[in-house]
Structure formats: structure tokens, C-alpha cells
Amino acid sequence: MGVEVETQVSIGNYRVDMILFSRLSKNEVIIECDGKEFHHNLIDEFRDDELIELAGLPIAHVSGSEISKSPEKCALYIVDRWFAKMMTTM
């Protein structure tokens, strides 16, 4: 689909699950794959604020259960939300 991914990217003192980007557009988005065992809403909000300030990128959260249930649906949501303009020109 023209979207590439880099996993386990360091940003400041954090490591994000993925950054999606495309050479066909300037769009980029941080993807956090959230699971109950490793995430806490309040701590995640604080971290997200810092990441947005450091990287200047939006953050998409996808739960582990959503990924397990339908990885295709998760991928389409992300592409449609942040890379839709690029997809219509392909």
C-alpha cells in the first residue's frame, strides 16, 4: 500500500512500537500496540504528551485484542486515517 514501518523506535527516553511513514507523502504516525499488562491510561497519557512534543507526530493506539481479532481492520483504520489522500492517488 506504499506505507512503510519502522519498529521499536527510540524517541527521547521512550521506545515506541512503530512509526508508519510513506515516501509518497509527508505523513507519519506513531503506532502504540496497547495491552492490558503493559499499559496504564494515566501513565500513557503523560507519555503521549511527551512523545507528541518530542516527535511532532500523532499517535494511534490499537489494542492487542483488536490486533488479534482483525489485524487487517487495524491496518485499514490507520491507513485510512493518516494516509487516505495518498491512497486515493495510487
Protein backbone atom coordinates (compact mmCIF):
# COMPACT_ATOMS: atom_id res chain seq x y z
CA MET A 1 0.00 0.00 0.00
CA GLY A 2 3.03 2.29 -0.11
CA VAL A 3 3.27 2.58 3.68
CA GLU A 4 6.44 1.50 5.44
CA VAL A 5 7.07 0.72 9.08
CA GLU A 6 9.98 1.03 11.48
CA THR A 7 9.59 -0.89 14.74
CA GLN A 8 10.86 -0.22 18.27
CA VAL A 9 11.90 3.37 17.55
CA SER A 10 13.61 5.38 20.29
CA ILE A 11 12.21 8.86 20.87
CA GLY A 12 13.77 10.66 23.80
CA ASN A 13 13.63 8.29 26.77
CA TYR A 14 10.85 6.23 25.19
CA ARG A 15 10.63 3.38 22.74
CA VAL A 16 7.50 3.35 20.57
CA ASP A 17 6.13 0.20 19.00
CA MET A 18 6.09 1.52 15.42
CA ILE A 19 6.31 4.56 13.22
CA LEU A 20 4.47 4.34 9.91
CA PHE A 21 5.57 6.56 7.06
CA SER A 22 5.48 6.80 3.30
CA ARG A 23 7.94 8.07 0.77
CA LEU A 24 4.92 9.19 -1.28
CA SER A 25 3.72 11.67 1.35
CA LYS A 26 4.99 13.57 4.36
CA ASN A 27 2.58 11.79 6.71
CA GLU A 28 3.95 9.84 9.63
CA VAL A 29 2.22 8.38 12.68
CA ILE A 30 3.35 6.64 15.85
CA ILE A 31 1.55 3.36 16.50
CA GLU A 32 1.27 2.05 20.03
CA CYS A 33 0.01 -1.52 20.41
CA ASP A 34 -1.63 -1.44 23.80
CA GLY A 35 -2.05 -4.47 26.00
CA LYS A 36 -3.51 -4.52 29.50
CA GLU A 37 -0.34 -5.98 31.00
CA PHE A 38 1.97 -3.20 29.82
CA HIS A 39 -0.13 -0.04 29.75
CA HIS A 40 -1.83 2.27 32.21
CA ASN A 41 -4.13 5.06 30.95
CA LEU A 42 -2.76 7.87 33.13
CA ILE A 43 0.89 6.98 32.51
CA ASP A 44 0.19 6.53 28.78
CA GLU A 45 -1.42 9.98 28.55
CA PHE A 46 1.65 11.58 30.13
CA ARG A 47 3.95 9.63 27.81
CA ASP A 48 1.85 10.51 24.76
CA ASP A 49 2.03 14.22 25.57
CA GLU A 50 5.82 14.00 25.78
CA LEU A 51 6.09 11.95 22.58
CA ILE A 52 3.92 14.38 20.64
CA GLU A 53 6.09 17.25 21.85
CA LEU A 54 9.36 15.41 21.08
CA ALA A 55 8.45 13.85 17.73
CA GLY A 56 5.74 16.19 16.50
CA LEU A 57 3.74 13.18 15.31
CA PRO A 58 0.23 11.97 16.06
CA ILE A 59 -0.22 8.74 17.99
CA ALA A 60 -2.63 5.92 17.15
CA HIS A 61 -3.46 3.38 19.83
CA VAL A 62 -4.52 -0.10 18.80
CA SER A 63 -5.35 -2.68 21.45
CA GLY A 64 -3.85 -6.14 21.45
CA SER A 65 -7.34 -7.66 21.29
CA GLU A 66 -8.16 -5.55 18.21
CA ILE A 67 -4.96 -6.67 16.53
CA SER A 68 -5.61 -10.34 17.36
CA LYS A 69 -9.22 -10.11 16.21
CA SER A 70 -8.55 -8.35 12.90
CA PRO A 71 -5.09 -7.07 12.01
CA GLU A 72 -6.39 -6.09 8.58
CA LYS A 73 -9.08 -3.86 10.11
CA CYS A 74 -6.44 -2.16 12.29
CA ALA A 75 -4.17 -1.57 9.30
CA LEU A 76 -7.02 -0.17 7.20
CA TYR A 77 -8.06 2.17 10.04
CA ILE A 78 -4.54 3.57 10.27
CA VAL A 79 -4.05 3.91 6.52
CA ASP A 80 -7.49 5.48 6.07
CA ARG A 81 -6.93 7.95 8.92
CA TRP A 82 -3.39 9.11 8.19
CA PHE A 83 -2.64 8.10 4.59
CA ALA A 84 -6.03 8.39 2.84
CA LYS A 85 -5.01 11.20 0.47
CA MET A 86 -2.00 9.19 -0.65
CA MET A 87 -4.14 6.09 -1.18
CA THR A 88 -6.57 7.91 -3.48
CA THR A 89 -3.70 9.00 -5.74
CA MET A 90 -2.30 5.49 -6.16
